[in-house]
Amino acid sequence: MQNLKTRALALLNRGIDKLQETFPPNRLALLVAAPLAIAAGALNAYVAVHFPGLPQFSNAQVAGAFGVAFISIVALAYKFIDGVQYDEARKHHAIEAERQRKSDEKIAAIKAG
């Protein structure tokens, strides 16, 4: 039974790794951002119209409520994607700097020897 659980967990981990390779966080954010922004705007507009105790809003005010929620989600997605890209660039530069350092060490060893 324990062996079956271990194999199932290993299979699940491989599946998750493959999914992360296919859909890294920035791609997933791009796929989810648009429907989430539309849903947030629609929910905000619905609440503005149907929530008890609120005054009756004009169509322009309801559209403004939709726009505020929509733009808020799009801005959050932009900041997330920008941060992920910055982090990827930082990691790439660190890897390149390490490769350059190793290359310089090999060249120095060849010149010394």
Protein backbone atom coordinates (compact mmCIF):
# COMPACT_ATOMS: atom_id res chain seq x y z
CA MET A 1 0.00 0.00 0.00
CA GLN A 2 2.83 2.41 0.87
CA ASN A 3 4.54 1.63 -2.44
CA LEU A 4 1.34 2.45 -4.32
CA LYS A 5 1.06 5.80 -2.50
CA THR A 6 4.70 6.60 -3.26
CA ARG A 7 4.28 5.79 -6.95
CA ALA A 8 1.06 7.79 -7.16
CA LEU A 9 2.74 10.77 -5.51
CA ALA A 10 5.70 10.52 -7.90
CA LEU A 11 3.33 10.42 -10.86
CA LEU A 12 1.44 13.44 -9.52
CA ASN A 13 4.70 15.36 -9.03
CA ARG A 14 5.79 14.59 -12.59
CA GLY A 15 2.42 15.80 -13.86
CA ILE A 16 2.67 19.03 -11.87
CA ASP A 17 6.22 19.61 -13.13
CA LYS A 18 5.09 19.09 -16.73
CA LEU A 19 2.17 21.47 -16.21
CA GLN A 20 4.50 24.11 -14.78
CA GLU A 21 6.79 23.74 -17.79
CA THR A 22 3.84 24.16 -20.14
CA PHE A 23 2.15 26.95 -18.18
CA PRO A 24 4.65 28.96 -16.14
CA PRO A 25 3.10 31.51 -13.74
CA ASN A 26 3.27 34.40 -16.20
CA ARG A 27 1.38 32.46 -18.92
CA LEU A 28 -1.19 31.28 -16.42
CA ALA A 29 -1.69 34.87 -15.25
CA LEU A 30 -2.24 35.98 -18.85
CA LEU A 31 -4.80 33.24 -19.44
CA VAL A 32 -6.71 33.91 -16.22
CA ALA A 33 -6.48 37.72 -16.14
CA ALA A 34 -9.01 38.53 -18.87
CA PRO A 35 -11.88 36.29 -17.68
CA LEU A 36 -11.18 37.28 -14.08
CA ALA A 37 -11.24 40.98 -14.96
CA ILE A 38 -14.53 40.60 -16.82
CA ALA A 39 -16.05 38.62 -13.95
CA ALA A 40 -14.86 41.18 -11.39
CA GLY A 41 -16.31 44.03 -13.43
CA ALA A 42 -19.62 42.22 -13.91
CA LEU A 43 -19.86 41.38 -10.22
CA ASN A 44 -19.08 44.96 -9.24
CA ALA A 45 -21.71 46.29 -11.65
CA TYR A 46 -24.26 43.74 -10.42
CA VAL A 47 -23.67 44.71 -6.80
CA ALA A 48 -23.91 48.41 -7.71
CA VAL A 49 -27.36 47.82 -9.24
CA HIS A 50 -28.87 45.14 -6.99
CA PHE A 51 -27.36 45.59 -3.52
CA PRO A 52 -30.08 46.68 -1.08
CA GLY A 53 -29.67 50.07 0.51
CA LEU A 54 -27.62 51.61 -2.27
CA PRO A 55 -29.13 54.46 -4.28
CA GLN A 56 -30.11 53.88 -7.89
CA PHE A 57 -27.11 54.47 -10.08
CA SER A 58 -27.22 55.73 -13.64
CA ASN A 59 -25.93 53.57 -16.47
CA ALA A 60 -22.77 55.66 -16.63
CA GLN A 61 -22.09 55.10 -12.94
CA VAL A 62 -22.63 51.34 -13.31
CA ALA A 63 -20.27 51.31 -16.29
CA GLY A 64 -17.76 53.21 -14.17
CA ALA A 65 -18.05 50.59 -11.44
CA PHE A 66 -17.42 47.89 -14.05
CA GLY A 67 -14.43 49.79 -15.39
CA VAL A 68 -12.86 50.31 -11.98
CA ALA A 69 -12.98 46.59 -11.15
CA PHE A 70 -11.80 45.62 -14.65
CA ILE A 71 -8.84 48.01 -14.61
CA SER A 72 -7.90 46.97 -11.07
CA ILE A 73 -7.57 43.31 -12.09
CA VAL A 74 -5.68 44.17 -15.27
CA ALA A 75 -3.26 46.36 -13.28
CA LEU A 76 -2.65 43.57 -10.77
CA ALA A 77 -1.99 41.09 -13.57
CA TYR A 78 0.41 43.54 -15.22
CA LYS A 79 2.35 44.03 -11.99
CA PHE A 80 2.55 40.27 -11.44
CA ILE A 81 3.78 39.59 -14.98
CA ASP A 82 6.26 42.47 -14.75
CA GLY A 83 7.63 41.05 -11.50
CA VAL A 84 7.95 37.55 -12.94
CA GLN A 85 9.79 38.87 -15.99
CA TYR A 86 12.12 40.94 -13.78
CA ASP A 87 12.87 37.86 -11.68
CA GLU A 88 13.51 35.74 -14.78
CA ALA A 89 15.92 38.36 -16.12
CA ARG A 90 17.71 38.55 -12.77
CA LYS A 91 18.12 34.75 -12.68
CA HIS A 92 19.32 34.72 -16.28
CA HIS A 93 21.96 37.38 -15.55
CA ALA A 94 23.15 35.45 -12.47
CA ILE A 95 23.52 32.26 -14.53
CA GLU A 96 25.41 34.13 -17.27
CA ALA A 97 27.70 35.77 -14.69
CA GLU A 98 28.49 32.34 -13.20
CA ARG A 99 29.24 30.92 -16.67
CA GLN A 100 31.51 33.87 -17.41
CA ARG A 101 33.33 33.42 -14.08
CA LYS A 102 33.93 29.71 -14.78
CA SER A 103 35.11 30.53 -18.29
CA ASP A 104 37.53 33.14 -16.96
CA GLU A 105 38.88 30.63 -14.41
CA LYS A 106 39.47 28.05 -17.15
CA ILE A 107 41.25 30.60 -19.34
CA ALA A 108 43.43 31.68 -16.40
CA ALA A 109 44.27 28.05 -15.63
CA ILE A 110 45.24 27.40 -19.26
CA LYS A 111 47.44 30.52 -19.36
CA ALA A 112 49.07 29.62 -16.04
CA GLY A 113 49.66 25.98 -16.95
